[in-house]
Protein backbone atom coordinates (compact mmCIF):
# COMPACT_ATOMS: atom_id res chain seq x y z
CA UNK A 1 -22.85 80.64 -71.86
CA UNK A 2 -21.07 80.20 -75.19
CA UNK A 3 -17.75 78.43 -75.10
CA UNK A 4 -14.71 78.02 -77.29
CA UNK A 5 -12.79 74.78 -77.25
CA UNK A 6 -9.15 75.76 -76.84
CA UNK A 7 -6.61 73.15 -77.84
CA UNK A 8 -3.45 73.26 -75.75
CA UNK A 9 -1.58 71.69 -78.65
CA UNK A 10 -2.14 74.74 -80.82
CA UNK A 11 -1.37 77.04 -77.89
CA UNK A 12 1.86 75.26 -76.95
CA UNK A 13 2.98 75.03 -80.55
CA UNK A 14 2.76 78.79 -80.86
CA UNK A 15 3.77 79.90 -77.36
CA UNK A 16 6.07 77.09 -76.17
CA UNK A 17 4.27 77.13 -72.83
CA UNK A 18 3.95 74.60 -70.03
CA UNK A 19 3.03 70.96 -70.63
CA UNK A 20 -0.62 70.29 -71.41
CA UNK A 21 -3.11 67.75 -70.05
CA UNK A 22 -3.71 64.39 -71.79
CA UNK A 23 -5.44 64.17 -75.16
CA UNK A 24 -7.59 61.10 -74.65
CA UNK A 25 -5.24 58.22 -73.97
CA UNK A 26 -1.48 58.20 -73.41
CA UNK A 27 0.99 58.09 -76.28
CA UNK A 28 4.33 56.60 -75.33
CA UNK A 29 7.74 56.53 -77.02
CA UNK A 30 11.00 54.79 -76.20
CA UNK A 31 14.38 55.81 -77.62
CA UNK A 32 16.05 52.89 -79.35
CA UNK A 33 19.08 52.31 -81.54
CA UNK A 34 18.84 51.08 -85.11
CA UNK A 35 16.22 51.60 -87.78
CA UNK A 36 13.56 49.04 -86.82
CA UNK A 37 10.43 50.47 -85.25
CA UNK A 38 7.56 49.04 -83.21
CA UNK A 39 4.19 50.69 -82.60
CA UNK A 40 1.77 49.29 -80.03
CA UNK A 41 -1.93 50.27 -80.15
CA UNK A 42 -4.15 49.20 -77.26
CA UNK A 43 -7.79 48.93 -78.36
CA UNK A 44 -9.61 49.65 -75.11
CA UNK A 45 -13.15 48.38 -74.61
CA UNK A 46 -12.85 44.86 -76.09
CA UNK A 47 -12.86 45.08 -79.88
CA UNK A 48 -15.07 42.55 -81.63
CA UNK A 49 -12.63 40.74 -83.88
CA UNK A 50 -15.48 38.76 -85.45
CA UNK A 51 -16.91 42.04 -86.72
CA UNK A 52 -13.64 43.44 -88.02
CA UNK A 53 -12.53 40.24 -89.76
CA UNK A 54 -15.71 38.28 -90.44
CA UNK A 55 -15.66 34.52 -91.13
CA UNK A 56 -18.25 34.83 -93.87
CA UNK A 57 -17.33 31.34 -95.12
CA UNK A 58 -18.30 29.81 -91.76
CA UNK A 59 -21.51 27.82 -91.83
CA UNK A 60 -24.04 29.39 -89.50
CA UNK A 61 -22.24 32.71 -89.02
CA UNK A 62 -25.18 34.72 -90.35
CA UNK A 63 -27.60 32.85 -88.08
CA UNK A 64 -25.46 33.74 -85.07
CA UNK A 65 -25.29 37.41 -86.08
CA UNK A 66 -28.27 38.27 -88.27
CA UNK A 67 -27.77 42.05 -87.89
CA UNK A 68 -23.96 42.08 -88.04
CA UNK A 69 -22.85 39.45 -90.53
CA UNK A 70 -21.76 40.71 -93.94
CA UNK A 71 -20.49 39.08 -97.11
CA UNK A 72 -18.52 40.22 -100.15
CA UNK A 73 -21.91 40.91 -101.75
CA UNK A 74 -22.80 43.33 -98.95
CA UNK A 75 -19.57 45.30 -98.69
CA UNK A 76 -17.12 42.92 -97.03
CA UNK A 77 -13.61 43.08 -98.53
CA UNK A 78 -12.60 39.50 -99.27
CA UNK A 79 -9.28 38.53 -97.73
CA UNK A 80 -8.82 34.88 -98.58
CA UNK A 81 -12.11 33.36 -99.67
CA UNK A 82 -13.19 32.64 -96.09
CA UNK A 83 -12.53 35.80 -94.07
CA UNK A 84 -13.44 39.35 -95.05
CA UNK A 85 -12.65 42.84 -93.75
CA UNK A 86 -15.45 45.05 -92.45
CA UNK A 87 -16.04 48.02 -94.81
CA UNK A 88 -15.60 50.36 -91.82
CA UNK A 89 -11.89 49.51 -92.13
CA UNK A 90 -11.78 49.98 -95.90
CA UNK A 91 -8.87 52.43 -95.54
CA UNK A 92 -6.72 49.39 -94.73
CA UNK A 93 -7.45 47.47 -97.92
CA UNK A 94 -4.57 49.13 -99.75
CA UNK A 95 -2.22 47.89 -97.02
CA UNK A 96 -3.53 44.35 -97.46
CA UNK A 97 -2.97 44.54 -101.20
CA UNK A 98 0.56 45.87 -100.62
CA UNK A 99 1.39 43.01 -98.24
CA UNK A 100 1.50 45.36 -95.24
CA UNK A 101 -1.45 44.05 -93.25
CA UNK A 102 -2.25 40.75 -91.51
CA UNK A 103 -4.48 39.44 -88.74
CA UNK A 104 -4.12 36.84 -86.01
CA UNK A 105 -7.35 35.03 -85.14
CA UNK A 106 -8.58 33.49 -81.87
CA UNK A 107 -5.95 35.01 -79.55
CA UNK A 108 -6.34 36.11 -75.95
CA UNK A 109 -4.46 36.72 -72.74
CA UNK A 110 -4.77 34.01 -70.06
CA UNK A 111 -7.64 36.05 -68.55
CA UNK A 112 -10.86 34.01 -68.24
CA UNK A 113 -14.42 34.17 -66.92
CA UNK A 114 -14.63 37.45 -64.98
CA UNK A 115 -14.97 39.66 -68.09
CA UNK A 116 -13.87 42.91 -66.42
CA UNK A 117 -12.37 45.56 -68.71
CA UNK A 118 -10.10 46.71 -65.89
CA UNK A 119 -8.73 43.26 -65.09
CA UNK A 120 -8.53 42.33 -68.77
CA UNK A 121 -6.51 45.43 -69.61
CA UNK A 122 -4.36 44.88 -66.52
CA UNK A 123 -3.37 41.42 -67.77
CA UNK A 124 -2.91 42.63 -71.34
CA UNK A 125 -0.56 45.42 -70.27
CA UNK A 126 1.37 43.65 -67.52
CA UNK A 127 1.88 40.63 -69.78
CA UNK A 128 1.59 38.10 -66.97
CA UNK A 129 -0.51 34.99 -66.57
CA UNK A 130 -2.88 36.48 -63.99
CA UNK A 131 -4.12 39.81 -62.69
CA UNK A 132 -1.17 41.18 -60.76
CA UNK A 133 -0.65 43.55 -57.86
CA UNK A 134 2.76 44.37 -59.33
CA UNK A 135 1.96 47.18 -61.71
CA UNK A 136 4.65 47.23 -64.36
CA UNK A 137 4.13 46.74 -68.06
CA UNK A 138 5.72 44.33 -70.50
CA UNK A 139 6.77 47.10 -72.87
CA UNK A 140 8.71 48.78 -70.07
CA UNK A 141 10.38 45.48 -69.18
CA UNK A 142 11.26 44.97 -72.83
CA UNK A 143 13.37 48.14 -72.70
CA UNK A 144 15.75 46.37 -70.31
CA UNK A 145 16.40 43.62 -72.84
CA UNK A 146 17.39 45.82 -75.79
CA UNK A 147 21.04 46.91 -75.75
CA UNK A 148 21.32 50.62 -74.85
CA UNK A 149 18.74 53.34 -75.35
CA UNK A 150 16.32 52.90 -72.47
CA UNK A 151 14.67 56.33 -72.51
CA UNK A 152 10.93 56.50 -73.05
CA UNK A 153 8.49 59.36 -73.50
CA UNK A 154 4.79 59.29 -72.72
CA UNK A 155 2.56 61.90 -74.34
CA UNK A 156 0.10 62.10 -71.46
CA UNK A 157 -0.09 63.44 -67.94
CA UNK A 158 0.75 59.95 -66.66
CA UNK A 159 2.18 56.70 -67.96
CA UNK A 160 -0.02 53.88 -69.22
CA UNK A 161 0.42 50.60 -67.40
CA UNK A 162 2.00 48.95 -70.44
CA UNK A 163 5.01 51.26 -70.11
CA UNK A 164 5.07 51.63 -66.33
CA UNK A 165 8.01 50.08 -64.53
CA UNK A 166 11.66 50.41 -63.58
CA UNK A 167 12.90 51.97 -66.81
CA UNK A 168 12.81 55.75 -67.02
CA UNK A 169 9.83 57.20 -68.87
CA UNK A 170 9.61 60.91 -69.72
CA UNK A 171 6.15 62.48 -69.89
CA UNK A 172 5.05 64.83 -72.61
CA UNK A 173 1.43 65.95 -72.43
CA UNK A 174 -0.57 66.03 -75.63
CA UNK A 175 -3.83 67.69 -76.70
CA UNK A 176 -6.72 68.05 -74.33
CA UNK A 177 -10.36 68.80 -74.81
CA UNK A 178 -10.48 71.96 -72.76
CA UNK A 179 -13.55 74.10 -72.93
CA UNK A 180 -12.90 77.79 -72.20
CA UNK A 181 -15.92 80.00 -71.72
CA UNK A 182 -16.25 83.25 -73.65
CA UNK A 183 -15.93 85.32 -70.44
CA UNK A 184 -12.77 83.45 -69.46
CA UNK A 185 -11.32 83.92 -72.92
CA UNK A 186 -12.07 87.66 -72.86
CA UNK A 187 -10.50 87.98 -69.41
CA UNK A 188 -7.27 86.23 -70.38
CA UNK A 189 -7.14 88.27 -73.59
CA UNK A 190 -7.35 91.52 -71.61
CA UNK A 191 -4.88 90.28 -69.00
CA UNK A 192 -2.16 89.65 -71.59
CA UNK A 193 -3.05 92.46 -73.99
CA UNK A 194 0.33 94.04 -73.27
CA UNK A 195 2.25 90.91 -74.22
CA UNK A 196 2.36 90.78 -78.05
CA UNK A 197 3.89 87.29 -78.23
CA UNK A 198 1.36 85.77 -75.84
CA UNK A 199 -1.57 87.58 -77.50
CA UNK A 200 -0.46 86.36 -80.94
CA UNK A 201 -0.14 82.77 -79.66
CA UNK A 202 -3.60 82.91 -78.09
CA UNK A 203 -5.13 84.25 -81.31
CA UNK A 204 -3.47 81.51 -83.36
CA UNK A 205 -4.66 78.82 -80.92
CA UNK A 206 -8.27 79.98 -81.13
CA UNK A 207 -8.06 80.21 -84.91
CA UNK A 208 -6.53 76.75 -85.15
CA UNK A 209 -9.33 75.24 -83.07
CA UNK A 210 -11.98 77.07 -85.09
CA UNK A 211 -10.46 75.65 -88.27
CA UNK A 212 -10.37 72.19 -86.74
CA UNK A 213 -14.05 72.42 -85.83
CA UNK A 214 -14.95 73.52 -89.36
CA UNK A 215 -12.85 70.81 -90.92
CA UNK A 216 -14.01 67.87 -88.81
CA UNK A 217 -17.36 69.08 -87.52
CA UNK A 218 -18.68 66.55 -85.04
CA UNK A 219 -15.84 64.21 -86.01
CA UNK A 220 -13.20 66.07 -84.03
CA UNK A 221 -12.15 62.80 -82.38
CA UNK A 222 -10.86 61.67 -85.79
CA UNK A 223 -8.59 64.71 -86.03
CA UNK A 224 -7.25 63.98 -82.54
CA UNK A 225 -6.39 60.40 -83.38
CA UNK A 226 -4.73 61.47 -86.62
CA UNK A 227 -2.75 64.03 -84.61
CA UNK A 228 -1.65 61.33 -82.16
CA UNK A 229 -0.56 59.01 -84.98
CA UNK A 230 1.21 61.81 -86.83
CA UNK A 231 3.02 62.82 -83.65
CA UNK A 232 4.04 59.20 -83.05
CA UNK A 233 5.37 58.92 -86.59
CA UNK A 234 7.25 62.20 -86.28
CA UNK A 235 9.00 61.00 -83.13
CA UNK A 236 9.76 57.64 -84.75
CA UNK A 237 11.50 59.49 -87.55
CA UNK A 238 13.84 60.99 -84.96
CA UNK A 239 15.57 59.12 -82.14
CA UNK A 240 12.62 57.07 -80.93
CA UNK A 241 11.98 53.51 -82.06
CA UNK A 242 9.04 52.33 -79.90
CA UNK A 243 5.65 54.02 -79.62
CA UNK A 244 2.44 53.08 -77.81
CA UNK A 245 -0.99 54.70 -77.73
CA UNK A 246 -4.62 53.71 -77.22
CA UNK A 247 -7.90 53.96 -79.10
CA UNK A 248 -11.15 53.67 -77.16
CA UNK A 249 -14.78 53.07 -78.08
CA UNK A 250 -14.94 49.30 -78.65
CA UNK A 251 -17.51 48.35 -75.96
CA UNK A 252 -20.38 47.64 -78.35
CA UNK A 253 -23.18 46.21 -76.21
CA UNK A 254 -25.97 47.78 -78.28
CA UNK A 255 -26.46 48.97 -81.84
CA UNK A 256 -23.10 47.55 -82.86
CA UNK A 257 -23.72 47.85 -86.61
CA UNK A 258 -23.48 51.62 -86.23
CA UNK A 259 -21.36 51.92 -83.11
CA UNK A 260 -18.50 49.77 -84.39
CA UNK A 261 -17.87 51.95 -87.42
CA UNK A 262 -16.31 54.93 -85.63
CA UNK A 263 -13.51 53.19 -83.70
CA UNK A 264 -12.82 50.98 -86.72
CA UNK A 265 -12.40 54.07 -88.88
CA UNK A 266 -10.28 55.72 -86.17
CA UNK A 267 -7.90 52.78 -85.97
CA UNK A 268 -7.63 52.64 -89.76
CA UNK A 269 -6.89 56.38 -89.86
CA UNK A 270 -4.21 55.98 -87.21
CA UNK A 271 -2.43 53.21 -89.12
CA UNK A 272 -2.62 54.92 -92.51
CA UNK A 273 -1.42 58.18 -90.94
CA UNK A 274 1.57 56.34 -89.46
CA UNK A 275 2.45 55.06 -92.92
CA UNK A 276 1.96 58.43 -94.59
CA UNK A 277 4.07 60.41 -92.13
CA UNK A 278 6.80 57.80 -91.73
CA UNK A 279 7.34 57.51 -95.47
CA UNK A 280 8.40 54.39 -97.37
CA UNK A 281 11.89 53.99 -95.95
CA UNK A 282 10.87 54.04 -92.27
CA UNK A 283 7.55 52.25 -92.86
CA UNK A 284 9.38 49.32 -94.45
CA UNK A 285 11.13 48.77 -91.11
CA UNK A 286 8.05 49.25 -88.94
CA UNK A 287 5.70 46.81 -87.18
CA UNK A 288 2.34 48.02 -85.85
CA UNK A 289 0.51 45.72 -83.44
CA UNK A 290 -3.06 46.50 -82.32
CA UNK A 291 -4.58 44.33 -79.59
CA UNK A 292 -7.53 44.39 -77.19
CA UNK A 293 -8.21 43.06 -73.69
CA UNK A 294 -10.60 40.30 -74.82
CA UNK A 295 -13.02 39.49 -77.61
CA UNK A 296 -16.83 39.51 -77.61
CA UNK A 297 -19.59 36.94 -77.65
CA UNK A 298 -20.16 35.03 -80.86
CA UNK A 299 -23.92 35.51 -80.76
CA UNK A 300 -25.31 39.00 -80.99
CA UNK A 301 -27.50 40.01 -78.06
CA UNK A 302 -31.06 41.30 -78.01
CA UNK A 303 -29.87 44.89 -78.41
CA UNK A 304 -28.05 44.27 -81.66
CA UNK A 305 -24.68 44.27 -79.92
CA UNK A 306 -22.28 41.80 -78.37
CA UNK A 307 -21.15 41.22 -74.80
CA UNK A 308 -17.77 40.56 -73.20
CA UNK A 309 -16.14 37.40 -74.50
CA UNK A 310 -12.74 35.72 -74.69
CA UNK A 311 -11.06 34.89 -78.01
CA UNK A 312 -10.22 37.98 -80.02
CA UNK A 313 -8.17 39.31 -82.91
CA UNK A 314 -4.75 40.96 -83.24
CA UNK A 315 -3.99 43.36 -86.09
CA UNK A 316 -0.54 43.56 -87.66
CA UNK A 317 0.52 46.31 -90.06
CA UNK A 318 3.75 47.76 -91.43
CA UNK A 319 6.36 47.06 -94.01
CA UNK A 320 8.24 44.65 -91.74
CA UNK A 321 5.44 42.15 -91.11
CA UNK A 322 4.55 38.92 -92.93
CA UNK A 323 1.71 40.42 -94.97
CA UNK A 324 -1.58 39.32 -96.53
CA UNK A 325 -2.12 36.54 -94.02
CA UNK A 326 -4.86 35.53 -91.61
CA UNK A 327 -2.84 33.74 -88.94
CA UNK A 328 -4.03 31.62 -86.06
CA UNK A 329 -5.69 28.26 -85.63
CA UNK A 330 -9.34 28.90 -86.44
CA UNK A 331 -11.54 27.00 -83.93
CA UNK A 332 -14.80 27.27 -85.83
CA UNK A 333 -18.20 28.37 -84.58
CA UNK A 334 -20.12 25.11 -84.79
CA UNK A 335 -21.72 22.94 -82.13
CA UNK A 336 -19.30 22.35 -79.27
CA UNK A 337 -16.65 24.68 -80.69
CA UNK A 338 -17.40 27.72 -78.53
CA UNK A 339 -15.88 28.39 -75.13
CA UNK A 340 -18.68 28.08 -72.55
CA UNK A 341 -21.07 27.90 -75.50
CA UNK A 342 -20.75 31.67 -75.99
CA UNK A 343 -17.22 32.86 -76.87
CA UNK A 344 -14.75 32.31 -79.66
CA UNK A 345 -12.43 29.60 -78.39
CA UNK A 346 -8.92 31.05 -77.91
CA UNK A 347 -6.30 28.91 -79.64
CA UNK A 348 -3.35 31.30 -79.30
CA UNK A 349 -1.80 33.62 -76.73
CA UNK A 350 -1.78 37.30 -77.69
CA UNK A 351 1.47 37.64 -75.75
CA UNK A 352 3.13 35.32 -78.27
CA UNK A 353 2.17 37.74 -81.04
CA UNK A 354 3.80 40.62 -79.15
CA UNK A 355 6.84 38.49 -78.32
CA UNK A 356 7.28 37.49 -81.95
CA UNK A 357 7.20 41.12 -83.05
CA UNK A 358 9.76 42.17 -80.42
CA UNK A 359 11.94 39.22 -81.43
CA UNK A 360 11.55 40.19 -85.08
CA UNK A 361 12.27 43.89 -84.64
CA UNK A 362 14.89 44.02 -81.88
CA UNK A 363 16.34 40.54 -81.60
CA UNK A 364 15.25 40.10 -77.99
CA UNK A 365 16.20 36.54 -77.08
CA UNK A 366 13.56 33.89 -76.43
CA UNK A 367 15.00 33.49 -72.93
CA UNK A 368 14.50 37.18 -72.14
CA UNK A 369 11.03 37.20 -73.69
CA UNK A 370 9.82 34.23 -71.63
CA UNK A 371 11.74 35.00 -68.45
CA UNK A 372 11.56 38.77 -68.17
CA UNK A 373 9.16 40.38 -70.63
CA UNK A 374 6.36 37.78 -70.55
CA UNK A 375 7.04 35.51 -67.56
CA UNK A 376 5.73 32.00 -68.12
CA UNK A 377 5.04 32.41 -71.84
CA UNK A 378 5.95 29.47 -74.09
CA UNK A 379 7.98 31.02 -76.93
CA UNK A 380 11.05 29.62 -78.66
CA UNK A 381 11.42 31.75 -81.79
CA UNK A 382 9.64 29.25 -84.06
CA UNK A 383 6.34 31.10 -84.25
CA UNK A 384 4.53 31.06 -87.59
CA UNK A 385 4.65 34.86 -87.34
CA UNK A 386 8.40 34.69 -87.95
CA UNK A 387 8.39 32.41 -91.00
CA UNK A 388 7.68 35.00 -93.65
């Protein structure tokens, strides 16, 4: 039976109906005073930081990844003469040149050895030193440390763990990928034929989805992610100052050369959309932090992919970051340098990156960051991420 994909976003926009189901991953906002803004992007599936920012100057890198390693001669955008940006993220090169993009190498949570996405994301979002039964997120706890303005809004049917906790979170459902059969559509059209406003809204929703399909073809996911980012930016231009959403698709066990491109493009589109919609004035006061639950193995596997690892990469963007830098203590990939002879050795804590950005944007004290937001973290406000 033929079907028509009916977007609830288009329907709600026209008809102002009930809340819709989730788009793909939650999008969360918190109302904050002041002009500084913070956007958190969780990259679910374990992004391969060694593919995004490749150490092409590292001896032996190509031998470790014969099908994945690139160089400036094969499309890599040179960052600093040693590291280069994967061409799948080429949309971000203008941000690098403008001083609005940086990376932090060899970071991880304290999670080790088990390599479970679920446990890794649990530790990333709770911000603790171990997998916890207490399910509240560090971004929710951070709301308690910022004077006034503790409201939050989650564009999903439920709250992501990172913003779960004692502080109030409103829920606003976003797009969903609903598939309405032709018979169902005809039935609902007949049912509400006597309601001009409803009929007009339904017609506009179907037309909007048809246009979206023609515009993006099989790349409809890209339009959804752009919609999420644009919505986040629109809310940040109003009373909200913190936003969080997720991008999936990073679990690249096979055929990574092709599989990595789509989520990398999606994340680039999300960040550039944030900048475009926010405009120069708001973007100049914005920090975007994109992190993942853990990195991937240094050596490619027999399927042309990579497996679950440890040390990873954090992405920083925005007008309020120290730009055009590759931060972090690089551990190298040589003999004896790898963790368990397979993973990039973590030399930094990803929680310190998040703490530094919260400190930078909202003036949360080091005591609150280490005692309440990230219990047990060593952070004293002297991070290299705060020097520029």
